[in-house]
N, C-alpha and C. Protein backbone atom coordinates (compact mmCIF):
# COMPACT_ATOMS: atom_id res chain seq x y z
N MET A 1 0.88 -0.92 0.09
CA MET A 1 -0.17 -0.21 -0.10
C MET A 1 0.90 1.52 0.10
N ASN A 2 0.34 2.36 -0.76
CA ASN A 2 1.49 3.46 -1.01
C ASN A 2 1.31 4.23 0.78
N PRO A 3 2.09 5.00 1.16
CA PRO A 3 1.59 6.01 1.78
C PRO A 3 0.96 6.87 1.42
N PRO A 4 0.25 7.69 2.43
CA PRO A 4 -0.50 9.26 2.57
C PRO A 4 -0.19 10.16 1.59
N VAL A 5 -0.21 10.49 0.82
CA VAL A 5 0.19 11.83 0.12
C VAL A 5 -0.34 13.21 0.65
N ALA A 6 0.79 14.12 0.90
CA ALA A 6 0.14 15.49 1.55
C ALA A 6 -0.72 16.00 1.15
N PRO A 7 -1.55 16.87 1.62
CA PRO A 7 -2.44 17.89 0.58
C PRO A 7 -1.46 19.17 -0.20
N ALA A 8 -2.16 19.63 -1.37
CA ALA A 8 -0.90 20.73 -1.69
C ALA A 8 -0.57 21.44 -1.28
N ALA A 9 -1.95 21.96 -0.43
CA ALA A 9 -1.41 23.32 0.71
C ALA A 9 -0.45 23.14 1.59
N GLU A 10 -0.40 21.74 2.02
CA GLU A 10 0.65 21.63 3.18
C GLU A 10 2.04 21.01 2.48
N GLN A 11 2.40 20.46 1.56
CA GLN A 11 3.32 20.49 0.82
C GLN A 11 4.05 21.89 0.03
N HIS A 12 3.37 22.77 -0.24
CA HIS A 12 3.74 24.17 -0.27
C HIS A 12 4.46 24.87 1.18
N PHE A 13 3.60 24.59 2.08
CA PHE A 13 3.86 25.12 3.23
C PHE A 13 5.20 24.45 3.73
N VAL A 14 5.39 23.22 3.69
CA VAL A 14 6.68 22.22 4.06
C VAL A 14 7.90 23.07 2.86
N ALA A 15 7.96 23.47 1.91
CA ALA A 15 8.72 23.59 0.88
C ALA A 15 9.33 25.03 1.08
N GLN A 16 8.35 26.34 1.43
CA GLN A 16 8.49 27.31 1.80
C GLN A 16 9.59 27.50 3.38
N VAL A 17 9.09 26.48 3.99
CA VAL A 17 10.08 26.29 5.57
C VAL A 17 11.21 26.07 4.91
N VAL A 18 11.39 24.97 4.26
CA VAL A 18 12.75 24.16 3.77
C VAL A 18 13.77 25.56 3.19
N GLU A 19 12.98 26.34 2.26
CA GLU A 19 13.58 27.58 1.24
C GLU A 19 14.09 28.60 2.54
N GLN A 20 12.81 28.79 3.35
CA GLN A 20 13.51 29.57 4.70
C GLN A 20 14.86 29.15 5.40
N GLN A 21 15.05 28.04 5.62
CA GLN A 21 15.61 27.50 6.48
C GLN A 21 16.94 27.74 5.87
N PHE A 22 17.16 27.19 4.54
CA PHE A 22 18.35 27.03 3.88
C PHE A 22 18.72 28.66 3.84
N MET A 23 17.81 29.57 3.30
CA MET A 23 18.13 31.31 3.23
C MET A 23 19.11 31.18 4.50
N ALA A 24 18.42 31.27 5.87
CA ALA A 24 18.74 31.32 7.07
C ALA A 24 20.32 30.72 7.10
N GLU A 25 20.43 29.66 6.66
CA GLU A 25 21.56 28.73 6.62
C GLU A 25 22.85 29.55 5.76
N LEU A 26 22.60 29.79 4.50
CA LEU A 26 23.08 30.76 3.64
C LEU A 26 23.49 31.88 4.41
N SER A 27 22.52 32.63 4.94
CA SER A 27 23.01 33.92 5.44
C SER A 27 23.65 33.90 6.60
N ARG A 28 23.79 32.95 7.24
CA ARG A 28 24.10 32.78 8.65
C ARG A 28 25.94 32.52 8.09
N ALA A 29 26.06 31.85 7.27
CA ALA A 29 27.25 31.52 6.26
C ALA A 29 27.93 32.61 5.60
N LYS A 30 27.27 33.43 5.10
CA LYS A 30 27.89 34.52 4.28
C LYS A 30 28.68 35.75 5.47
N GLY A 31 27.14 35.88 6.22
CA GLY A 31 27.84 36.61 7.44
C GLY A 31 28.80 36.47 8.55
N ILE A 32 29.19 35.07 8.38
CA ILE A 32 30.55 34.29 9.18
C ILE A 32 31.67 34.88 8.48
N VAL A 33 31.38 34.86 6.63
CA VAL A 33 32.95 35.03 6.42
C VAL A 33 33.03 36.71 6.17
N ASP A 34 31.90 37.05 5.94
CA ASP A 34 32.31 38.65 6.28
C ASP A 34 32.39 39.02 7.00
N HIS A 35 32.37 38.36 8.37
CA HIS A 35 33.04 38.84 9.32
C HIS A 35 34.81 38.52 9.34
N LEU A 36 34.94 37.25 9.24
CA LEU A 36 36.71 36.87 8.66
C LEU A 36 36.87 37.72 8.13
N MET A 37 36.77 38.26 6.50
CA MET A 37 36.95 39.09 6.13
C MET A 37 37.74 39.94 6.19
N ARG A 38 36.89 40.75 7.25
CA ARG A 38 37.07 41.88 8.00
C ARG A 38 37.98 41.85 9.46
N THR A 39 37.84 40.99 9.93
CA THR A 39 38.53 40.63 11.42
C THR A 39 39.73 39.64 11.29
N SER A 40 40.04 38.67 10.46
CA SER A 40 40.45 37.48 10.70
C SER A 40 42.24 37.87 10.08
N PRO A 41 42.87 38.19 10.89
CA PRO A 41 44.48 38.58 10.04
C PRO A 41 45.05 37.33 8.86
N ASN A 42 44.53 36.11 9.25
CA ASN A 42 44.95 35.00 8.13
C ASN A 42 43.83 35.53 6.63
N VAL A 43 42.72 35.61 6.58
CA VAL A 43 42.02 35.86 6.10
C VAL A 43 42.38 37.44 5.02
N ILE A 44 42.31 38.20 6.10
CA ILE A 44 42.93 39.25 5.22
C ILE A 44 44.30 39.32 4.42
N ARG A 45 44.99 38.96 5.21
CA ARG A 45 46.73 38.44 4.56
C ARG A 45 46.50 37.80 3.10
N LEU A 46 45.39 36.53 3.22
CA LEU A 46 45.07 36.26 1.79
C LEU A 46 44.63 36.86 0.99
N MET A 47 43.58 37.72 1.25
CA MET A 47 42.61 38.73 0.63
C MET A 47 43.82 39.79 0.10
N ARG A 48 44.62 40.32 0.52
CA ARG A 48 45.88 40.96 -0.02
C ARG A 48 46.58 40.65 -0.45
N ARG A 49 47.21 39.60 -0.72
CA ARG A 49 47.89 38.52 -1.82
C ARG A 49 47.00 38.35 -3.02
N LEU A 50 46.11 38.44 -3.05
CA LEU A 50 44.70 38.67 -4.39
C LEU A 50 45.33 39.45 -5.10
N ARG A 51 45.31 40.82 -4.15
CA ARG A 51 45.62 41.92 -5.01
C ARG A 51 46.76 42.00 -5.93
N GLN A 52 47.71 41.35 -5.38
CA GLN A 52 48.72 41.69 -6.23
C GLN A 52 48.68 41.05 -7.61
N ASN A 53 49.40 40.94 -8.29
CA ASN A 53 49.25 40.32 -9.40
C ASN A 53 49.81 38.64 -9.67
N THR A 54 48.62 37.86 -9.48
CA THR A 54 48.75 36.11 -9.13
C THR A 54 48.46 36.11 -10.21
N ASP A 55 49.37 34.24 -10.49
CA ASP A 55 48.78 33.40 -11.38
C ASP A 55 47.66 32.82 -11.00
N ALA A 56 47.41 31.75 -11.84
CA ALA A 56 46.19 31.13 -11.69
C ALA A 56 46.10 29.89 -10.38
N ASN A 57 47.93 29.11 -10.86
CA ASN A 57 48.24 28.27 -9.46
C ASN A 57 47.96 29.18 -8.07
N THR A 58 48.52 30.39 -7.93
CA THR A 58 48.39 31.40 -6.84
C THR A 58 47.23 31.43 -6.21
N ARG A 59 46.25 31.54 -7.16
CA ARG A 59 44.68 32.24 -6.72
C ARG A 59 44.31 30.73 -6.31
N ASN A 60 44.69 29.98 -6.96
CA ASN A 60 44.41 28.66 -6.81
C ASN A 60 44.36 27.97 -5.15
N LEU A 61 45.30 28.17 -4.73
CA LEU A 61 46.05 28.06 -3.43
C LEU A 61 45.51 28.67 -2.22
N ILE A 62 45.33 30.34 -2.55
CA ILE A 62 45.04 31.03 -2.06
C ILE A 62 43.24 30.42 -1.60
N ALA A 63 42.58 29.94 -2.62
CA ALA A 63 41.10 29.65 -2.65
C ALA A 63 41.00 28.83 -1.94
N ASP A 64 42.24 27.70 -1.87
CA ASP A 64 41.90 26.41 -0.89
C ASP A 64 42.55 26.86 0.21
N GLN A 65 42.87 27.50 0.52
CA GLN A 65 43.46 28.22 2.52
C GLN A 65 42.52 29.31 2.35
N LEU A 66 41.76 29.76 1.83
CA LEU A 66 40.31 30.31 2.42
C LEU A 66 39.29 29.29 2.92
N ARG A 67 39.48 28.56 1.87
CA ARG A 67 38.21 27.25 2.50
C ARG A 67 38.41 27.01 3.34
N THR A 68 40.08 26.56 3.86
CA THR A 68 40.06 25.86 4.84
C THR A 68 39.71 26.61 6.36
N GLU A 69 39.90 28.24 5.88
CA GLU A 69 39.96 29.18 7.31
C GLU A 69 38.08 29.51 6.88
N PHE A 70 37.51 29.64 6.14
CA PHE A 70 35.85 29.70 6.23
C PHE A 70 35.43 28.47 6.56
N GLN A 71 35.87 26.85 6.43
CA GLN A 71 35.20 25.58 7.20
C GLN A 71 35.60 25.67 8.56
N THR A 72 36.37 26.08 9.01
CA THR A 72 36.53 26.14 10.52
C THR A 72 35.20 26.90 10.83
N ALA A 73 35.58 28.09 10.50
CA ALA A 73 34.67 29.31 11.01
C ALA A 73 32.96 28.63 10.82
N LEU A 74 33.00 28.55 10.05
CA LEU A 74 31.68 27.81 9.51
C LEU A 74 31.19 26.40 10.46
N TYR A 75 31.94 25.41 10.65
CA TYR A 75 31.90 24.74 11.71
C TYR A 75 31.51 25.58 13.11
N GLN A 76 32.36 25.87 13.57
CA GLN A 76 32.50 27.00 15.08
C GLN A 76 30.88 27.74 15.07
N GLY A 77 30.59 28.20 13.96
CA GLY A 77 29.52 29.40 13.54
C GLY A 77 28.30 28.22 13.98
N GLY A 78 28.31 27.34 13.84
CA GLY A 78 27.08 26.19 13.74
C GLY A 78 26.15 26.23 12.67
N VAL A 79 26.57 26.29 12.05
CA VAL A 79 26.41 26.15 10.34
C VAL A 79 26.25 24.49 10.10
N PRO A 80 25.26 23.96 9.57
CA PRO A 80 24.80 23.01 9.69
C PRO A 80 26.17 21.43 9.00
N PRO A 81 26.32 20.69 9.92
CA PRO A 81 28.22 20.25 9.41
C PRO A 81 27.96 19.93 8.10
N VAL A 82 26.94 19.15 7.40
CA VAL A 82 26.56 18.39 6.17
C VAL A 82 26.79 20.09 5.24
N MET A 83 26.40 20.80 5.45
CA MET A 83 26.54 22.33 4.45
C MET A 83 27.92 22.62 4.39
N VAL A 84 28.64 22.76 5.42
CA VAL A 84 29.49 23.40 5.26
C VAL A 84 30.84 23.34 4.24
N PRO A 85 30.93 22.09 3.93
CA PRO A 85 32.22 21.73 3.05
C PRO A 85 31.86 22.60 1.54
N GLU A 86 30.89 22.53 1.24
CA GLU A 86 30.38 23.33 -0.40
C GLU A 86 30.36 24.18 0.23
N LEU A 87 29.38 24.85 0.91
CA LEU A 87 29.60 26.33 1.44
C LEU A 87 30.91 26.96 1.58
N ALA A 88 31.68 26.74 1.89
CA ALA A 88 33.05 26.99 2.18
C ALA A 88 33.88 27.07 1.27
N LEU A 89 33.88 26.04 0.10
CA LEU A 89 34.47 25.88 -0.82
C LEU A 89 34.07 27.07 -2.27
N MET A 90 32.24 27.14 -2.08
CA MET A 90 31.73 28.46 -2.97
C MET A 90 32.01 29.80 -2.37
N LEU A 91 31.93 29.79 -1.21
CA LEU A 91 32.46 31.40 -0.41
C LEU A 91 33.99 31.65 -0.80
N ALA A 92 34.59 30.42 -0.75
CA ALA A 92 36.09 30.78 -1.41
C ALA A 92 36.02 31.06 -2.72
N HIS A 93 35.48 30.34 -3.34
CA HIS A 93 35.64 30.40 -5.08
C HIS A 93 35.35 31.86 -5.30
N THR A 94 34.32 32.51 -4.73
CA THR A 94 33.87 33.27 -4.97
C THR A 94 34.40 34.48 -4.63
N ALA A 95 35.25 34.66 -3.18
CA ALA A 95 35.75 35.64 -2.43
C ALA A 95 37.33 35.89 -3.51
N VAL A 96 37.57 35.14 -4.44
CA VAL A 96 38.87 35.05 -4.79
C VAL A 96 37.98 35.59 -6.21
N GLU A 97 37.41 35.56 -6.65
CA GLU A 97 36.84 35.94 -7.78
C GLU A 97 35.92 37.11 -8.10
N ALA A 98 36.10 37.67 -7.01
CA ALA A 98 35.56 39.02 -6.59
C ALA A 98 33.88 39.24 -6.97
N ILE A 99 33.72 37.57 -6.31
CA ILE A 99 32.12 37.73 -6.61
C ILE A 99 31.28 37.75 -4.91
N GLU A 100 30.48 38.21 -4.71
CA GLU A 100 29.64 38.59 -3.73
C GLU A 100 28.25 37.89 -3.48
N ILE A 101 27.94 37.69 -2.87
CA ILE A 101 26.32 37.04 -2.34
C ILE A 101 25.62 38.29 -1.68
N VAL A 102 24.85 39.12 -2.58
CA VAL A 102 23.94 39.67 -1.89
C VAL A 102 22.62 39.53 -1.29
N THR A 103 22.07 39.16 -2.19
CA THR A 103 20.72 38.24 -1.20
C THR A 103 20.20 37.10 -1.60
N ALA A 104 19.42 35.90 -0.73
CA ALA A 104 19.19 34.98 -1.09
C ALA A 104 17.24 35.54 -1.11
N GLN A 105 16.41 35.20 -2.06
CA GLN A 105 15.29 35.14 -1.42
C GLN A 105 14.06 34.12 -2.13
N HIS A 106 13.05 33.83 -1.40
CA HIS A 106 12.37 32.94 -1.92
C HIS A 106 10.77 33.42 -2.50
N GLY A 107 10.23 32.66 -2.98
CA GLY A 107 9.30 32.81 -3.95
C GLY A 107 8.68 31.62 -4.59
N ASP A 108 8.60 31.38 -5.25
CA ASP A 108 8.51 29.83 -6.05
C ASP A 108 9.51 29.07 -5.81
N SER A 109 10.23 29.65 -5.69
CA SER A 109 11.77 28.77 -5.61
C SER A 109 12.80 29.84 -4.91
N ILE A 110 13.75 29.53 -4.49
CA ILE A 110 15.06 30.11 -4.35
C ILE A 110 15.95 30.63 -5.30
N VAL A 111 16.16 32.31 -5.03
CA VAL A 111 16.86 33.27 -6.31
C VAL A 111 17.94 33.56 -5.05
N VAL A 112 19.09 33.53 -5.91
CA VAL A 112 20.30 34.00 -4.97
C VAL A 112 20.94 35.22 -5.91
N TYR A 113 20.70 36.05 -5.30
CA TYR A 113 21.87 37.21 -5.95
C TYR A 113 23.02 37.46 -6.08
N PHE A 114 24.04 37.45 -6.95
CA PHE A 114 25.49 37.75 -7.15
C PHE A 114 25.77 38.99 -7.70
N LEU A 115 27.06 39.80 -6.39
CA LEU A 115 27.29 41.16 -7.13
C LEU A 115 28.52 40.54 -8.00
N CYS A 116 28.72 41.03 -8.97
CA CYS A 116 30.03 40.56 -9.36
C CYS A 116 30.52 42.12 -9.82
N LYS A 117 32.13 41.94 -9.17
CA LYS A 117 32.83 43.52 -9.41
C LYS A 117 33.71 43.73 -10.57
N THR A 118 33.53 43.18 -11.30
CA THR A 118 34.49 43.02 -12.54
C THR A 118 33.76 42.25 -13.62
N VAL A 119 33.77 42.66 -14.87
CA VAL A 119 33.51 41.85 -15.84
C VAL A 119 33.73 40.38 -15.72
N LYS A 120 35.26 39.97 -15.62
CA LYS A 120 35.86 38.96 -15.51
C LYS A 120 35.48 38.12 -14.22
N ALA A 121 35.00 38.73 -12.89
CA ALA A 121 33.81 38.39 -12.42
C ALA A 121 33.06 37.50 -12.64
N LEU A 122 32.06 38.46 -13.73
CA LEU A 122 30.74 37.70 -14.33
C LEU A 122 30.92 36.71 -15.24
N TYR A 123 32.23 36.77 -15.91
CA TYR A 123 32.56 35.56 -16.82
C TYR A 123 32.85 34.34 -16.10
N LYS A 124 33.43 34.75 -14.70
CA LYS A 124 34.00 33.38 -13.75
C LYS A 124 32.58 32.92 -13.19
N LEU A 125 31.46 34.09 -12.85
CA LEU A 125 30.40 33.43 -12.41
C LEU A 125 29.35 32.58 -13.66
N GLY A 126 29.66 32.86 -14.71
CA GLY A 126 28.55 32.11 -15.75
C GLY A 126 29.95 30.68 -16.14
N GLN A 127 31.03 31.05 -15.38
CA GLN A 127 31.29 29.37 -16.03
C GLN A 127 31.05 28.21 -14.93
N MET A 128 31.06 29.07 -13.14
CA MET A 128 30.80 28.69 -12.19
C MET A 128 29.53 27.64 -12.23
N ILE A 129 28.58 28.51 -12.79
CA ILE A 129 27.23 27.98 -13.01
C ILE A 129 26.77 26.99 -14.30
N VAL A 130 27.56 27.15 -15.66
CA VAL A 130 27.75 26.40 -16.75
C VAL A 130 28.72 25.10 -16.28
N SER A 131 29.62 25.12 -15.67
CA SER A 131 30.05 23.90 -15.08
C SER A 131 29.36 23.11 -14.10
N GLY A 132 28.61 23.29 -13.65
CA GLY A 132 27.80 22.55 -12.95
C GLY A 132 28.63 22.59 -11.13
N PHE A 133 29.27 23.29 -10.95
CA PHE A 133 30.11 23.66 -9.69
C PHE A 133 29.03 24.68 -8.87
N MET A 134 27.81 25.49 -9.11
CA MET A 134 27.14 25.77 -8.40
C MET A 134 25.88 24.81 -8.04
N HIS A 135 25.90 23.93 -8.96
CA HIS A 135 24.62 22.76 -8.89
C HIS A 135 24.93 22.49 -7.58
N ALA A 136 25.78 21.62 -7.91
CA ALA A 136 26.75 20.55 -6.79
C ALA A 136 26.71 21.31 -5.24
N VAL A 137 27.24 22.64 -5.42
CA VAL A 137 27.04 23.25 -3.78
C VAL A 137 25.61 23.70 -3.51
N PHE A 138 24.68 23.90 -4.34
CA PHE A 138 23.35 23.92 -3.66
C PHE A 138 22.41 23.06 -3.60
N ALA A 139 23.02 21.96 -4.37
CA ALA A 139 22.35 20.72 -4.53
C ALA A 139 22.40 19.73 -2.71
N VAL A 140 23.69 19.92 -2.70
CA VAL A 140 24.04 19.34 -1.32
C VAL A 140 23.25 20.12 0.04
N ALA A 141 23.37 21.48 0.18
CA ALA A 141 23.18 22.16 0.87
C ALA A 141 21.46 22.53 1.03
N ILE A 142 20.85 22.45 0.03
CA ILE A 142 19.36 22.11 0.02
C ILE A 142 18.61 21.07 0.23
N GLU A 143 19.29 20.00 -0.32
CA GLU A 143 18.63 18.46 -0.26
C GLU A 143 19.16 18.12 1.49
N SER A 144 20.32 19.07 2.05
CA SER A 144 20.23 18.49 3.60
C SER A 144 19.12 18.96 4.44
N VAL A 145 18.75 19.53 3.65
CA VAL A 145 17.59 20.37 4.76
C VAL A 145 15.71 19.53 3.97
N ALA A 146 16.27 18.82 2.80
CA ALA A 146 14.62 18.68 2.67
C ALA A 146 14.76 17.77 1.31
N ARG A 147 14.07 16.49 0.99
CA ARG A 147 14.18 15.89 0.20
C ARG A 147 13.39 16.61 -1.47
N THR A 148 14.21 17.11 -2.38
CA THR A 148 13.58 17.66 -3.17
C THR A 148 14.82 17.55 -4.24
N THR A 149 14.39 18.12 -5.35
CA THR A 149 15.43 18.25 -6.58
C THR A 149 15.67 20.15 -6.36
N VAL A 150 17.14 19.92 -7.36
CA VAL A 150 17.63 21.16 -7.22
C VAL A 150 18.16 21.78 -8.88
N ASP A 151 17.78 22.42 -9.01
CA ASP A 151 18.02 23.41 -10.20
C ASP A 151 18.94 24.38 -10.34
N VAL A 152 19.99 25.13 -10.80
CA VAL A 152 20.69 25.82 -10.98
C VAL A 152 20.96 26.29 -12.29
N TYR A 153 20.57 27.61 -12.61
CA TYR A 153 20.61 27.76 -14.27
C TYR A 153 20.50 29.43 -14.33
N VAL A 154 21.32 29.77 -15.66
CA VAL A 154 20.84 31.12 -16.01
C VAL A 154 20.64 30.80 -17.22
N ARG A 155 20.15 32.15 -17.92
CA ARG A 155 19.76 31.73 -19.41
C ARG A 155 20.67 32.51 -19.79
N ALA A 156 21.35 31.34 -20.73
CA ALA A 156 22.73 31.63 -21.32
C ALA A 156 22.64 32.61 -22.56
N ASP A 157 21.25 33.06 -23.06
CA ASP A 157 21.37 34.04 -24.05
C ASP A 157 21.09 35.43 -23.43
N GLU A 158 20.25 35.31 -22.02
CA GLU A 158 20.74 37.02 -21.26
C GLU A 158 22.11 37.01 -21.09
N PHE A 159 22.84 35.54 -20.24
CA PHE A 159 24.44 36.10 -19.68
C PHE A 159 25.14 36.32 -20.98
N ASN A 160 25.39 35.91 -21.57
CA ASN A 160 26.32 36.07 -22.93
C ASN A 160 25.90 37.41 -23.88
N LEU A 161 24.53 38.09 -23.72
CA LEU A 161 24.41 39.54 -24.03
C LEU A 161 24.76 40.41 -23.25
N LYS A 162 24.53 40.15 -21.96
CA LYS A 162 24.63 41.83 -21.12
C LYS A 162 26.46 41.44 -20.95
N LEU A 163 27.13 39.83 -20.96
CA LEU A 163 28.85 39.78 -20.87
C LEU A 163 28.97 40.63 -22.21
N LEU A 164 28.59 40.36 -23.55
CA LEU A 164 29.36 40.98 -24.58
C LEU A 164 28.59 42.22 -24.50
N CYS A 165 27.79 43.23 -24.18
CA CYS A 165 27.67 44.59 -23.90
C CYS A 165 28.57 45.29 -22.73
N PHE A 166 29.33 44.15 -21.74
CA PHE A 166 30.02 45.17 -21.09
C PHE A 166 31.22 44.76 -21.67
N SER A 167 31.62 43.89 -22.60
CA SER A 167 33.22 43.76 -22.86
C SER A 167 33.42 44.32 -24.13
N THR A 168 32.42 44.82 -24.69
CA THR A 168 32.12 45.55 -26.24
C THR A 168 33.26 46.76 -25.84
N PRO A 169 33.65 47.33 -26.83
CA PRO A 169 34.22 48.61 -26.93
C PRO A 169 33.18 50.00 -26.49
N GLN A 170 33.70 50.85 -25.92
CA GLN A 170 32.15 51.79 -25.47
C GLN A 170 32.12 52.30 -26.53
N ASP A 171 32.60 52.75 -27.96
CA ASP A 171 32.19 53.52 -28.77
C ASP A 171 31.30 53.08 -29.88
N ARG A 172 31.71 51.38 -29.87
CA ARG A 172 30.65 50.48 -30.49
C ARG A 172 29.56 49.53 -29.81
N GLY A 173 29.65 49.87 -28.27
CA GLY A 173 28.95 48.55 -27.75
C GLY A 173 27.11 49.30 -27.55
N THR A 174 26.31 48.16 -26.72
CA THR A 174 25.40 48.21 -26.86
C THR A 174 25.17 48.81 -25.45
N SER A 175 23.87 49.70 -25.43
CA SER A 175 23.85 50.79 -24.07
C SER A 175 23.28 49.23 -23.34
N ILE A 176 23.94 49.20 -21.63
CA ILE A 176 23.16 48.25 -21.07
C ILE A 176 21.96 48.62 -20.17
N GLY A 177 21.12 49.74 -20.52
CA GLY A 177 20.58 50.18 -19.48
C GLY A 177 18.85 49.69 -20.18
N GLY A 178 18.93 49.42 -21.14
CA GLY A 178 17.79 48.63 -21.58
C GLY A 178 17.60 47.36 -21.58
N LEU A 179 18.60 46.49 -21.01
CA LEU A 179 18.92 45.19 -21.06
C LEU A 179 18.39 44.59 -19.46
C-alpha cells in the first residue's frame, strides 16, 4: 500500500519552510565569512595577496587556504555540518573571483543574487554555473534540509548578451540600460 500523500497546501508550506531554513543558513554562512574578511589576520593577508598580480596556480592555492579558514569558522559558527564543506568551497571561490552573494529570496523557488565586481568576475560566475559547480554546492546544501530536486540555471542568451555589452568597446557597444 502506498503511503498517504500530503495535501498540496501542506506540501507548499513545507517547501516554504525548507526555503527559509536554507536561506537562513546561507545568510549565516555569508555573515560568518564577511566577519572573517574584516577581522581575521589570516584571511585579510590572503585577500591582500590576491590583489597582487597573482597567477592562476597562486589563486587556486589562496582559494584552498580560504576554504580551510571558512570551513573552520562555519563549523564553529553552527552552520549544519553537512552544508559546511560545499558552502566554504563556494564562498572561497567567490571571494577569490570578486563575486559577492548579495541576497537570497524565495517565492516559487530560491533565488540567489550575486554581485560581480568586474567583467572577469561576471564571466567566472557564468563558468561556475555552466560547469555545474553551483549546482553541486546548492544541491548538497538544499538537499541536506529536505528531499527535493535542485536546479541551478542562468539563461545563456541573456547572460552572454550582458557579458558582450560589458566587454564591447565603448564607442561601438550596446547600451546596457535597456537590458
